N, C-alpha and C. Protein backbone atom coordinates (compact mmCIF):
# COMPACT_ATOMS: atom_id res chain seq x y z
N MET A 1 14.46 -17.98 -11.19
CA MET A 1 14.06 -17.78 -9.91
C MET A 1 15.56 -17.26 -8.87
N PRO A 2 15.75 -15.48 -8.83
CA PRO A 2 16.51 -15.46 -8.26
C PRO A 2 16.87 -16.31 -6.84
N THR A 3 17.86 -16.06 -6.18
CA THR A 3 17.89 -16.74 -4.75
C THR A 3 17.94 -15.55 -3.72
N PRO A 4 17.35 -15.73 -3.06
CA PRO A 4 16.48 -14.96 -1.77
C PRO A 4 17.68 -13.83 -1.38
N GLU A 5 18.90 -14.27 -1.51
CA GLU A 5 20.04 -13.53 -1.20
C GLU A 5 20.47 -12.40 -2.12
N LYS A 6 19.72 -12.80 -3.46
CA LYS A 6 20.42 -11.47 -4.76
C LYS A 6 18.76 -11.04 -4.56
N ILE A 7 17.39 -11.10 -4.02
CA ILE A 7 16.17 -10.13 -3.93
C ILE A 7 16.72 -9.60 -3.12
N LEU A 8 16.93 -9.89 -1.85
CA LEU A 8 17.10 -9.16 -0.52
C LEU A 8 18.14 -8.12 -1.22
N ASN A 9 19.24 -8.01 -2.03
CA ASN A 9 20.41 -7.26 -1.78
C ASN A 9 19.49 -6.21 -3.09
N GLY A 10 18.80 -6.62 -4.18
CA GLY A 10 18.44 -5.78 -4.85
C GLY A 10 17.46 -4.51 -4.18
N LEU A 11 15.98 -5.05 -2.62
CA LEU A 11 15.50 -4.23 -2.25
C LEU A 11 16.68 -3.84 -1.57
N SER A 12 17.61 -4.03 -0.41
CA SER A 12 18.44 -3.04 -0.18
C SER A 12 18.82 -2.10 -0.86
N LEU A 13 19.45 -2.61 -2.13
CA LEU A 13 19.71 -1.21 -2.97
C LEU A 13 18.79 -0.39 -3.38
N ALA A 14 17.52 -0.99 -3.59
CA ALA A 14 16.65 0.01 -3.97
C ALA A 14 16.50 1.33 -2.57
N ALA A 15 15.97 0.47 -1.62
CA ALA A 15 15.58 1.23 -0.25
C ALA A 15 16.94 2.51 0.10
N ASN A 16 18.07 2.18 -0.54
CA ASN A 16 19.30 3.09 0.12
C ASN A 16 19.64 3.82 -0.51
N SER A 17 18.97 3.47 -2.24
CA SER A 17 19.50 4.66 -3.64
C SER A 17 18.78 5.83 -3.61
N TYR A 18 17.57 5.39 -3.25
CA TYR A 18 16.38 6.45 -3.54
C TYR A 18 15.59 6.86 -2.65
N THR A 19 16.67 7.17 -1.40
CA THR A 19 15.43 7.97 -0.63
C THR A 19 15.08 9.06 -0.55
N LEU A 20 15.19 9.91 -0.98
CA LEU A 20 14.63 11.17 -1.68
C LEU A 20 13.49 11.00 -2.23
N LEU A 21 13.21 9.76 -3.23
CA LEU A 21 11.70 9.80 -3.74
C LEU A 21 10.71 9.04 -2.55
N SER A 22 11.55 8.08 -1.39
CA SER A 22 11.08 8.22 -0.10
C SER A 22 10.60 8.96 0.42
N ILE A 23 11.07 10.28 0.73
CA ILE A 23 11.21 11.04 1.69
C ILE A 23 10.04 12.14 1.19
N PHE A 24 9.84 12.04 -0.33
CA PHE A 24 8.72 12.75 -0.88
C PHE A 24 7.40 11.91 -0.60
N TRP A 25 7.49 10.80 -0.83
CA TRP A 25 6.03 10.19 -0.55
C TRP A 25 5.99 10.51 0.73
N HIS A 26 6.95 10.15 1.66
CA HIS A 26 6.41 10.14 3.11
C HIS A 26 5.52 11.68 3.48
N ILE A 27 6.31 12.97 3.00
CA ILE A 27 5.41 14.13 2.46
C ILE A 27 4.36 14.22 2.37
N ILE A 28 4.01 13.66 0.74
CA ILE A 28 3.25 13.50 0.31
C ILE A 28 1.71 12.65 1.32
N VAL A 29 2.11 11.95 2.15
CA VAL A 29 1.22 10.55 2.74
C VAL A 29 0.83 11.70 4.26
N LEU A 30 1.96 12.24 4.56
CA LEU A 30 1.89 13.50 5.95
C LEU A 30 0.83 14.77 5.62
N LEU A 31 0.86 15.29 4.49
CA LEU A 31 -0.29 16.10 4.04
C LEU A 31 -1.74 15.81 4.06
N PHE A 32 -1.30 14.61 3.14
CA PHE A 32 -2.79 13.95 3.22
C PHE A 32 -3.58 13.47 4.59
N LEU A 33 -2.65 12.93 5.51
CA LEU A 33 -3.07 12.97 7.08
C LEU A 33 -3.65 14.07 7.43
N ILE A 34 -2.78 15.29 6.94
CA ILE A 34 -3.12 16.53 8.04
C ILE A 34 -4.76 16.96 7.39
N LEU A 35 -4.65 16.52 6.05
CA LEU A 35 -6.07 17.23 5.34
C LEU A 35 -7.12 15.91 6.41
N LEU A 36 -7.11 14.98 6.30
CA LEU A 36 -7.76 14.07 7.05
C LEU A 36 -8.46 14.62 8.50
N ILE A 37 -7.30 14.74 9.24
CA ILE A 37 -7.19 15.24 10.50
C ILE A 37 -8.28 16.58 10.31
N SER A 38 -8.27 17.27 9.65
CA SER A 38 -8.60 18.88 9.22
C SER A 38 -9.80 18.65 8.89
N GLY A 39 -10.72 17.46 8.99
CA GLY A 39 -11.91 17.17 8.41
C GLY A 39 -12.47 16.85 6.75
N LYS A 40 -11.47 17.45 5.93
CA LYS A 40 -12.09 17.04 4.80
C LYS A 40 -11.75 15.96 4.23
N ARG A 41 -12.71 15.41 3.32
CA ARG A 41 -12.81 14.57 2.71
C ARG A 41 -12.89 14.04 1.31
N PRO A 42 -11.89 13.75 0.75
CA PRO A 42 -11.67 13.87 -0.74
C PRO A 42 -12.23 12.49 -0.95
N SER A 43 -12.28 13.28 -2.21
CA SER A 43 -13.17 11.38 -3.16
C SER A 43 -12.36 9.89 -2.91
N ASN A 44 -13.51 9.10 -2.99
CA ASN A 44 -12.93 8.04 -3.11
C ASN A 44 -11.61 7.77 -4.44
N LYS A 45 -11.61 8.42 -5.67
CA LYS A 45 -11.15 7.84 -6.78
C LYS A 45 -9.87 9.04 -6.36
N LEU A 46 -9.72 9.93 -5.75
CA LEU A 46 -8.06 10.62 -5.49
C LEU A 46 -7.32 9.86 -4.45
N VAL A 47 -8.47 9.43 -3.59
CA VAL A 47 -7.36 7.62 -3.06
C VAL A 47 -7.15 7.13 -3.90
N THR A 48 -7.86 6.00 -4.63
CA THR A 48 -7.27 5.34 -5.48
C THR A 48 -6.40 5.48 -6.65
N ILE A 49 -6.02 6.97 -6.92
CA ILE A 49 -5.12 7.49 -8.02
C ILE A 49 -3.85 7.84 -7.19
N GLY A 50 -3.95 8.12 -5.81
CA GLY A 50 -2.54 8.22 -5.38
C GLY A 50 -2.47 6.96 -4.78
N SER A 51 -2.88 5.80 -4.48
CA SER A 51 -2.33 4.33 -4.60
C SER A 51 -1.58 4.21 -5.49
N ILE A 52 -2.52 4.22 -7.05
CA ILE A 52 -1.77 3.94 -7.87
C ILE A 52 -0.47 4.72 -8.48
N LEU A 53 0.03 5.90 -7.79
CA LEU A 53 0.90 6.31 -7.96
C LEU A 53 2.20 5.72 -7.22
N THR A 54 1.58 5.32 -6.12
CA THR A 54 3.23 4.62 -5.24
C THR A 54 3.14 3.19 -5.98
N MET A 55 2.56 2.94 -6.64
CA MET A 55 2.42 1.40 -7.30
C MET A 55 3.75 1.41 -8.26
N LEU A 56 3.00 2.57 -8.93
CA LEU A 56 4.18 3.09 -10.24
C LEU A 56 5.57 3.40 -9.68
N SER A 57 5.83 3.86 -8.57
CA SER A 57 6.76 4.73 -8.29
C SER A 57 8.02 3.27 -7.62
N VAL A 58 7.49 1.99 -7.34
CA VAL A 58 7.89 1.17 -7.34
C VAL A 58 7.83 0.68 -8.40
N ALA A 59 7.55 0.34 -9.41
CA ALA A 59 7.64 -0.13 -10.36
C ALA A 59 8.97 0.27 -11.20
N LEU A 60 8.87 2.01 -11.48
CA LEU A 60 10.31 2.74 -11.39
C LEU A 60 11.50 2.29 -10.80
N VAL A 61 11.35 2.26 -9.62
CA VAL A 61 12.38 2.07 -9.08
C VAL A 61 12.90 0.57 -9.34
N ALA A 62 11.88 -0.53 -9.18
CA ALA A 62 12.55 -1.59 -9.93
C ALA A 62 12.98 -1.68 -10.78
N ILE A 63 12.44 -0.94 -12.13
CA ILE A 63 13.46 -1.16 -13.30
C ILE A 63 14.82 -0.10 -13.44
N MET A 64 14.92 0.69 -12.58
CA MET A 64 15.99 1.13 -12.19
C MET A 64 17.24 0.03 -12.00
N VAL A 65 16.75 -0.91 -10.55
CA VAL A 65 17.71 -1.46 -10.14
C VAL A 65 17.57 -2.98 -10.34
N SER A 66 16.89 -3.11 -11.85
CA SER A 66 16.71 -3.95 -12.73
C SER A 66 16.71 -5.31 -11.86
N ASN A 67 15.34 -5.17 -11.45
CA ASN A 67 14.48 -6.14 -10.83
C ASN A 67 13.06 -6.34 -11.81
N PRO A 68 13.20 -7.17 -13.22
CA PRO A 68 12.18 -7.03 -13.73
C PRO A 68 10.67 -7.51 -13.26
N PHE A 69 10.97 -8.81 -12.32
CA PHE A 69 9.46 -9.32 -11.66
C PHE A 69 8.74 -8.08 -11.33
N ASN A 70 9.42 -7.56 -10.22
CA ASN A 70 8.46 -6.59 -9.82
C ASN A 70 8.56 -5.25 -10.35
N ALA A 71 9.17 -4.88 -11.44
CA ALA A 71 8.63 -4.30 -12.33
C ALA A 71 7.41 -4.47 -13.02
N VAL A 72 7.21 -5.42 -13.82
CA VAL A 72 5.98 -5.99 -14.14
C VAL A 72 5.16 -6.13 -13.29
N MET A 73 5.32 -7.00 -12.35
CA MET A 73 4.25 -7.05 -11.34
C MET A 73 3.67 -5.55 -10.69
N PHE A 74 4.29 -4.70 -10.67
CA PHE A 74 3.52 -3.45 -10.21
C PHE A 74 3.25 -2.76 -11.34
N LEU A 75 3.38 -2.72 -12.54
CA LEU A 75 2.67 -2.15 -14.00
C LEU A 75 1.65 -2.52 -14.37
N LEU A 76 1.78 -4.18 -13.91
CA LEU A 76 0.55 -4.84 -13.99
C LEU A 76 -0.60 -4.95 -13.05
N ALA A 77 -0.04 -4.36 -12.10
CA ALA A 77 -1.11 -4.06 -11.19
C ALA A 77 -1.78 -2.73 -10.87
N SER A 78 -0.60 -1.70 -11.20
CA SER A 78 -0.91 -0.34 -11.69
C SER A 78 -2.54 0.01 -12.68
N LEU A 79 -2.24 -0.77 -13.50
CA LEU A 79 -3.51 -0.86 -15.05
C LEU A 79 -4.15 -1.84 -14.48
N LEU A 80 -4.00 -2.67 -13.84
CA LEU A 80 -5.57 -3.21 -13.26
C LEU A 80 -6.24 -2.56 -12.24
N PHE A 81 -5.68 -1.76 -11.21
CA PHE A 81 -6.55 -1.02 -10.13
C PHE A 81 -6.57 0.56 -11.06
N ALA A 82 -5.70 0.96 -12.10
CA ALA A 82 -6.56 1.97 -13.16
C ALA A 82 -7.80 1.76 -13.85
N TYR A 83 -8.28 0.18 -13.96
CA TYR A 83 -9.23 0.19 -14.35
C TYR A 83 -10.04 -0.47 -13.83
N ILE A 84 -10.25 -0.32 -12.47
CA ILE A 84 -10.85 -0.59 -11.38
C ILE A 84 -11.45 0.85 -10.89
N THR A 85 -10.55 1.93 -11.12
CA THR A 85 -10.60 3.29 -10.82
C THR A 85 -11.56 4.35 -11.52
N TRP A 86 -11.14 3.19 -12.83
CA TRP A 86 -12.14 3.99 -13.80
C TRP A 86 -13.49 3.20 -13.52
N ARG A 87 -13.59 2.23 -12.93
CA ARG A 87 -15.24 1.55 -12.71
C ARG A 87 -15.87 2.10 -11.27
N LEU A 88 -15.03 3.21 -10.70
CA LEU A 88 -15.60 2.81 -9.06
C LEU A 88 -16.63 4.23 -9.42
N PRO A 89 -17.60 4.23 -8.79
CA PRO A 89 -18.37 5.58 -8.58
C PRO A 89 -18.04 6.28 -7.63
N GLN A 90 -17.52 7.57 -8.34
CA GLN A 90 -17.35 8.43 -7.37
C GLN A 90 -17.88 9.00 -6.34
N THR A 91 -17.63 8.82 -5.15
CA THR A 91 -17.99 9.57 -3.63
C THR A 91 -16.93 9.91 -2.41
N ALA A 92 -17.42 10.92 -1.50
CA ALA A 92 -16.20 11.32 -1.09
C ALA A 92 -16.40 10.16 0.10
N VAL A 93 -14.86 10.07 0.81
CA VAL A 93 -14.82 9.10 1.60
C VAL A 93 -15.40 9.04 2.99
N SER A 94 -15.37 7.57 3.44
CA SER A 94 -16.10 8.34 4.92
C SER A 94 -15.27 7.23 6.01
N ILE A 95 -14.92 7.81 7.28
CA ILE A 95 -14.71 6.96 8.47
C ILE A 95 -15.18 6.81 9.49
N SER A 96 -15.43 5.54 9.88
CA SER A 96 -16.05 5.37 10.95
C SER A 96 -15.21 4.08 11.67
N TRP A 97 -15.04 4.73 13.09
CA TRP A 97 -14.47 3.73 13.78
C TRP A 97 -14.56 3.05 14.28
N ASP A 98 -14.02 1.89 13.76
CA ASP A 98 -13.92 -0.01 13.98
C ASP A 98 -13.11 -0.71 14.02
N PHE A 99 -13.03 -1.49 14.11
CA PHE A 99 -11.51 -2.44 14.29
C PHE A 99 -10.92 -2.49 12.82
N TYR A 100 -11.78 -1.83 11.81
CA TYR A 100 -10.86 -1.93 10.47
C TYR A 100 -10.47 -0.84 10.27
N SER A 101 -11.08 0.13 10.66
CA SER A 101 -10.56 1.65 10.49
C SER A 101 -9.19 1.63 11.41
N VAL A 102 -9.26 1.23 12.64
CA VAL A 102 -7.92 1.08 14.04
C VAL A 102 -7.25 0.10 13.06
N THR A 103 -7.34 -1.13 12.24
CA THR A 103 -6.32 -2.01 11.85
C THR A 103 -5.66 -0.85 10.46
N GLY A 104 -6.33 -0.31 9.38
CA GLY A 104 -5.87 0.19 9.02
C GLY A 104 -5.06 1.57 9.40
N ILE A 105 -5.14 2.34 10.05
CA ILE A 105 -3.97 3.40 11.19
C ILE A 105 -2.85 2.59 11.42
N ILE A 106 -3.16 1.60 11.50
CA ILE A 106 -1.83 0.49 12.07
C ILE A 106 -0.94 0.24 11.10
N MET A 107 -1.36 0.08 9.61
CA MET A 107 -0.99 -0.35 8.47
C MET A 107 -0.34 1.00 8.05
N ILE A 108 -0.83 1.87 8.18
CA ILE A 108 -0.09 3.38 7.43
C ILE A 108 1.05 3.07 8.37
N ALA A 109 0.84 3.25 9.45
CA ALA A 109 1.86 3.27 10.50
C ALA A 109 3.05 2.49 10.39
N PHE A 110 2.98 1.37 9.38
CA PHE A 110 3.92 -0.21 9.23
C PHE A 110 4.46 0.70 8.09
N GLY A 111 3.28 0.88 7.08
CA GLY A 111 4.11 1.53 5.77
C GLY A 111 4.97 2.41 6.20
N LEU A 112 4.54 3.58 7.03
CA LEU A 112 5.33 4.84 6.94
C LEU A 112 6.97 4.33 7.34
N VAL A 113 6.94 3.49 8.62
CA VAL A 113 8.26 3.24 9.00
C VAL A 113 8.33 2.01 9.00
N TYR A 114 8.25 1.46 8.10
CA TYR A 114 8.92 -0.02 7.98
C TYR A 114 10.29 -0.16 8.15
N PRO A 115 10.65 -1.06 9.10
CA PRO A 115 12.21 -0.82 9.52
C PRO A 115 12.72 -1.90 9.04
N HIS A 116 13.27 -2.16 8.10
CA HIS A 116 13.94 -3.02 7.45
C HIS A 116 14.63 -2.27 5.51
N PHE A 117 15.72 -2.89 5.84
CA PHE A 117 16.80 -2.46 4.75
C PHE A 117 17.15 -1.52 4.56
N LEU A 118 17.03 -0.63 5.07
CA LEU A 118 17.74 1.06 5.51
C LEU A 118 19.34 0.69 5.83
N GLU A 119 20.23 0.97 5.88
CA GLU A 119 21.87 0.28 6.44
C GLU A 119 22.22 1.35 6.76
N ASP A 120 22.60 0.95 8.31
CA ASP A 120 22.95 1.75 9.16
C ASP A 120 22.23 3.08 9.95
N ALA A 121 20.42 2.48 9.93
CA ALA A 121 20.11 3.77 10.21
C ALA A 121 19.13 3.42 11.50
N ASP A 122 19.00 4.61 12.41
CA ASP A 122 18.39 4.46 13.83
C ASP A 122 16.84 4.61 13.32
N PHE A 123 16.45 4.44 14.19
CA PHE A 123 14.72 4.76 14.21
C PHE A 123 14.31 6.09 13.97
N PHE A 124 15.24 7.52 14.16
CA PHE A 124 14.00 8.65 13.24
C PHE A 124 14.43 8.13 11.70
N ASN A 125 15.64 7.73 11.59
CA ASN A 125 16.00 7.85 10.16
C ASN A 125 14.80 7.15 9.09
N TYR A 126 13.94 5.85 9.94
CA TYR A 126 12.65 5.43 9.24
C TYR A 126 11.64 6.13 9.38
N LEU A 127 11.58 7.19 10.19
CA LEU A 127 10.18 8.33 10.35
C LEU A 127 10.32 8.73 9.05
N TYR A 128 11.04 9.04 8.15
CA TYR A 128 11.35 9.94 7.10
C TYR A 128 11.50 9.23 5.84
N ALA A 129 12.65 8.03 5.83
CA ALA A 129 13.51 7.36 4.87
C ALA A 129 13.15 6.11 4.63
N SER A 130 12.13 5.73 5.21
CA SER A 130 12.38 4.04 5.21
C SER A 130 11.40 3.76 3.64
N PRO A 131 11.64 2.59 3.59
CA PRO A 131 11.51 2.35 1.79
C PRO A 131 9.92 2.72 1.31
N LEU A 132 9.06 3.67 1.66
CA LEU A 132 7.99 3.65 1.26
C LEU A 132 7.77 4.15 -0.13
N GLY A 133 7.01 3.71 -1.12
CA GLY A 133 7.39 3.36 -2.97
C GLY A 133 8.24 3.43 -3.82
N LEU A 134 9.16 2.35 -2.65
CA LEU A 134 10.29 2.18 -2.88
C LEU A 134 10.54 0.71 -3.74
N ILE A 135 9.16 -0.25 -2.60
CA ILE A 135 9.96 -1.64 -2.79
C ILE A 135 8.07 -1.78 -2.12
N PRO A 136 8.00 -3.02 -2.17
CA PRO A 136 6.83 -3.40 -2.55
C PRO A 136 6.04 -3.60 -1.08
N CYS A 137 6.54 -4.51 -0.06
CA CYS A 137 5.99 -4.64 1.21
C CYS A 137 5.24 -3.33 1.82
N PRO A 138 6.29 -2.45 1.89
CA PRO A 138 5.78 -0.89 2.88
C PRO A 138 4.81 -0.30 2.12
N THR A 139 5.00 -0.20 0.55
CA THR A 139 4.04 0.59 -0.03
C THR A 139 2.59 -0.41 -0.07
N LEU A 140 2.55 -1.63 -0.17
CA LEU A 140 1.51 -1.92 -0.24
C LEU A 140 0.56 -1.84 0.85
N SER A 141 1.59 -2.04 2.47
CA SER A 141 0.85 -1.91 4.00
C SER A 141 -0.07 -0.56 4.05
N LEU A 142 0.94 0.53 3.35
CA LEU A 142 -0.01 1.86 3.09
C LEU A 142 -0.66 1.92 2.37
N VAL A 143 -1.50 1.48 1.48
CA VAL A 143 -2.23 1.26 0.60
C VAL A 143 -3.64 0.72 1.26
N VAL A 144 -3.41 -0.45 1.41
CA VAL A 144 -3.87 -1.83 2.19
C VAL A 144 -4.63 -1.13 3.62
N GLY A 145 -3.61 0.25 4.32
CA GLY A 145 -4.06 0.95 5.36
C GLY A 145 -5.46 1.54 5.07
N PHE A 146 -4.53 2.78 3.78
CA PHE A 146 -5.90 3.21 3.50
C PHE A 146 -7.03 2.75 3.55
N THR A 147 -7.08 2.03 2.25
CA THR A 147 -8.24 0.83 1.69
C THR A 147 -8.98 0.73 3.69
N LEU A 148 -8.39 -0.17 4.54
CA LEU A 148 -9.33 -0.28 5.43
C LEU A 148 -9.64 0.85 6.06
N LEU A 149 -9.06 1.80 6.30
CA LEU A 149 -9.37 2.90 6.95
C LEU A 149 -10.91 3.72 6.30
N PHE A 150 -11.13 3.44 5.02
CA PHE A 150 -11.68 4.02 4.50
C PHE A 150 -12.78 3.09 4.01
N HIS A 151 -13.12 2.22 4.56
CA HIS A 151 -13.80 0.60 4.38
C HIS A 151 -14.28 -0.02 3.05
N GLY A 152 -12.47 -0.20 3.07
CA GLY A 152 -12.76 -0.73 1.50
C GLY A 152 -13.13 -0.36 0.27
N LEU A 153 -13.38 1.82 0.23
CA LEU A 153 -13.50 2.16 -0.49
C LEU A 153 -15.47 1.88 -1.06
N TYR A 154 -15.51 0.75 0.03
CA TYR A 154 -16.97 0.05 -0.67
C TYR A 154 -16.76 -0.58 -2.02
N PHE A 155 -16.04 -0.90 -2.27
CA PHE A 155 -16.09 -1.81 -3.89
C PHE A 155 -15.17 -2.90 -3.62
N LYS A 156 -15.90 -4.19 -3.51
CA LYS A 156 -15.07 -5.04 -3.41
C LYS A 156 -13.80 -5.84 -4.53
N LYS A 157 -14.35 -5.01 -5.89
CA LYS A 157 -13.24 -5.47 -6.37
C LYS A 157 -11.68 -4.84 -6.07
N TRP A 158 -11.70 -3.53 -5.94
CA TRP A 158 -10.67 -2.58 -5.61
C TRP A 158 -10.10 -3.82 -4.30
N MET A 159 -10.94 -4.31 -3.25
CA MET A 159 -10.38 -4.53 -1.86
C MET A 159 -10.05 -6.15 -2.64
N LEU A 160 -10.82 -6.95 -2.64
CA LEU A 160 -10.28 -8.50 -3.28
C LEU A 160 -8.50 -8.54 -4.12
N SER A 161 -8.66 -7.43 -4.95
CA SER A 161 -7.21 -7.20 -5.71
C SER A 161 -6.77 -6.71 -4.94
N LEU A 162 -6.63 -5.88 -4.15
CA LEU A 162 -5.54 -5.65 -3.57
C LEU A 162 -4.97 -6.20 -2.47
N ALA A 163 -6.08 -7.01 -2.21
CA ALA A 163 -5.75 -7.98 -0.96
C ALA A 163 -5.02 -9.40 -1.42
N LEU A 164 -5.23 -9.40 -2.61
CA LEU A 164 -4.77 -10.72 -3.45
C LEU A 164 -2.80 -10.15 -3.92
N VAL A 165 -2.55 -8.95 -3.73
CA VAL A 165 -1.63 -8.79 -4.29
C VAL A 165 -0.71 -8.47 -3.22
N GLY A 166 -1.49 -7.95 -2.14
CA GLY A 166 -0.69 -8.08 -0.11
C GLY A 166 -0.51 -9.12 -0.17
N LEU A 167 -1.40 -10.34 -0.15
CA LEU A 167 -1.26 -11.72 0.88
C LEU A 167 -0.02 -12.44 -0.91
N PHE A 168 -0.08 -12.25 -1.84
CA PHE A 168 0.81 -12.53 -2.35
C PHE A 168 2.60 -12.17 -1.78
N TYR A 169 2.62 -10.60 -1.90
CA TYR A 169 3.96 -10.49 -1.43
C TYR A 169 4.08 -10.57 -0.25
N GLY A 170 3.32 -10.45 0.48
CA GLY A 170 3.28 -10.64 2.26
C GLY A 170 3.96 -12.04 2.62
N ILE A 171 3.30 -13.26 1.95
CA ILE A 171 3.78 -14.65 1.94
C ILE A 171 4.67 -14.87 0.96
N PHE A 172 5.13 -14.38 -0.01
CA PHE A 172 6.43 -14.64 -0.38
C PHE A 172 7.72 -14.13 0.34
N GLY A 173 7.39 -12.57 1.21
CA GLY A 173 8.14 -11.96 1.74
C GLY A 173 8.52 -13.14 3.07
N VAL A 174 7.71 -13.39 3.58
CA VAL A 174 7.74 -14.23 4.91
C VAL A 174 8.41 -15.48 4.73
N PHE A 175 8.02 -16.41 3.85
CA PHE A 175 8.16 -18.07 3.42
C PHE A 175 9.48 -18.01 2.31
N ARG A 176 9.59 -16.90 1.62
CA ARG A 176 11.05 -17.25 0.53
C ARG A 176 12.08 -16.61 1.28
N LEU A 177 11.69 -14.85 1.93
CA LEU A 177 12.82 -14.29 2.01
C LEU A 177 13.19 -14.06 3.43
N LYS A 178 11.95 -14.59 4.00
CA LYS A 178 12.00 -14.74 5.71
C LYS A 178 12.65 -13.30 6.02
N VAL A 179 11.44 -12.56 5.65
CA VAL A 179 11.22 -10.81 6.31
C VAL A 179 10.01 -10.98 7.03
N TYR A 180 9.86 -11.43 8.47
CA TYR A 180 8.95 -11.88 9.27
C TYR A 180 7.90 -10.47 9.63
N LEU A 181 8.25 -9.44 9.08
CA LEU A 181 7.86 -8.16 9.10
C LEU A 181 6.86 -8.10 8.25
N ASP A 182 6.47 -9.12 7.24
CA ASP A 182 5.39 -8.91 6.42
C ASP A 182 4.24 -9.79 6.48
N LEU A 183 4.92 -10.36 7.96
CA LEU A 183 3.08 -10.95 8.47
C LEU A 183 2.12 -10.17 8.78
N VAL A 184 2.74 -8.82 8.99
CA VAL A 184 1.82 -7.34 9.30
C VAL A 184 0.63 -7.38 8.14
N LEU A 185 1.63 -7.25 6.62
CA LEU A 185 0.92 -7.26 5.47
C LEU A 185 -0.32 -8.34 5.04
N ILE A 186 0.98 -9.84 5.52
CA ILE A 186 -0.91 -10.77 5.64
C ILE A 186 -1.99 -10.66 6.15
N ALA A 187 -1.56 -9.72 7.48
CA ALA A 187 -2.55 -9.28 8.35
C ALA A 187 -3.76 -8.86 7.57
N GLY A 188 -2.57 -7.60 7.07
CA GLY A 188 -3.98 -6.41 6.74
C GLY A 188 -4.42 -6.70 5.83
N SER A 189 -3.83 -7.78 4.54
CA SER A 189 -4.55 -8.41 3.50
C SER A 189 -5.82 -8.99 3.71
N LEU A 190 -6.02 -10.24 4.99
CA LEU A 190 -6.30 -11.03 5.17
C LEU A 190 -7.99 -10.10 6.08
N SER A 191 -7.67 -9.02 6.64
CA SER A 191 -8.61 -7.85 6.93
C SER A 191 -9.49 -7.65 6.20
N LEU A 192 -8.90 -7.12 5.08
CA LEU A 192 -9.17 -6.76 3.65
C LEU A 192 -10.52 -7.39 3.18
N VAL A 193 -9.79 -9.03 3.19
CA VAL A 193 -10.61 -10.30 2.73
C VAL A 193 -12.30 -10.33 3.26
N VAL A 194 -12.20 -10.30 4.35
CA VAL A 194 -13.34 -10.11 5.59
C VAL A 194 -13.95 -9.34 5.79
N LEU A 195 -13.61 -8.03 5.31
CA LEU A 195 -14.42 -6.68 4.87
C LEU A 195 -15.19 -6.86 3.98
N SER A 196 -14.53 -7.00 2.66
CA SER A 196 -15.02 -7.30 1.37
C SER A 196 -16.22 -8.25 1.67
N PHE A 197 -16.47 -9.26 2.44
CA PHE A 197 -17.76 -10.01 2.33
C PHE A 197 -18.34 -9.19 3.50
N MET A 198 -18.29 -8.20 4.19
CA MET A 198 -19.37 -7.51 4.95
C MET A 198 -20.18 -6.32 4.96
N ILE A 199 -19.22 -5.80 3.60
CA ILE A 199 -19.87 -4.38 3.56
C ILE A 199 -20.84 -4.42 1.95
N LYS A 200 -21.72 -3.38 1.83
CA LYS A 200 -21.79 -3.57 0.50
C LYS A 200 -21.11 -2.52 -0.63
N ASN A 201 -21.26 -2.69 -2.25
CA ASN A 201 -20.58 -2.20 -2.93
C ASN A 201 -21.22 -0.50 -2.84
N THR A 202 -20.37 0.42 -3.41
CA THR A 202 -20.83 1.71 -3.79
C THR A 202 -22.22 1.71 -4.30
N GLU A 203 -22.22 1.22 -5.18
CA GLU A 203 -23.02 1.41 -6.21
C GLU A 203 -24.42 0.81 -5.80
N ASN A 204 -24.50 0.14 -4.78
CA ASN A 204 -25.59 -0.35 -4.00
C ASN A 204 -25.93 0.59 -2.92
N ILE A 205 -24.86 1.50 -2.45
CA ILE A 205 -24.95 2.63 -1.23
C ILE A 205 -25.82 3.84 -2.14
N LEU A 206 -25.23 4.14 -3.46
CA LEU A 206 -25.55 5.19 -4.14
C LEU A 206 -26.82 4.98 -4.26
N LYS A 207 -27.86 3.76 -4.94
CA LYS A 207 -28.81 3.56 -5.24
C LYS A 207 -29.89 3.25 -4.42
N THR A 208 -29.59 3.18 -3.01
CA THR A 208 -30.29 3.51 -1.97
C THR A 208 -30.41 4.86 -1.00
N LYS A 209 -29.75 6.12 -1.54
CA LYS A 209 -29.67 7.28 -0.98
C LYS A 209 -31.13 8.15 -1.97
């Protein structure tokens, strides 16, 4: 196992070497948020596919900075979530404003401006170049955020699998790397676990219609 210093140096390298990719993801998320604000409701599978692509982005960057652990973990996670997406009954996402959707908005904002690892950056830089799509925790925070916003897509397998990955990286970040910002990811992942026990699966909702 690499030392915390080596892991942190690798994350810093990823965050500062591929900012153009991060800016790309910020633009994509902004366009998607504009779509939602305009009243459009995309399918749940579009949301999951977009989430998987951000995870594949993290895996690619991990390969580029010689971080085999994150590369393997995010490639495996992408395969798992691709399988779950294939099993997910397609329907339009819905937004009902409650504790979980508001928590989702907070998680999305946190992922977009994740204030760590950029060198010599001020707050404005984090608005468009925080390491979204480059390193695990901001990327998972964003995916958890959208999942909470859409009430888990009403699919327990997606929620619990994502919560497990989020808890692993959040706990690792806090207790191994001492990146206490990742407490936010832990909180969001735990919210997903609670939500998963409070809603019906998409299949059951479709059967009752």
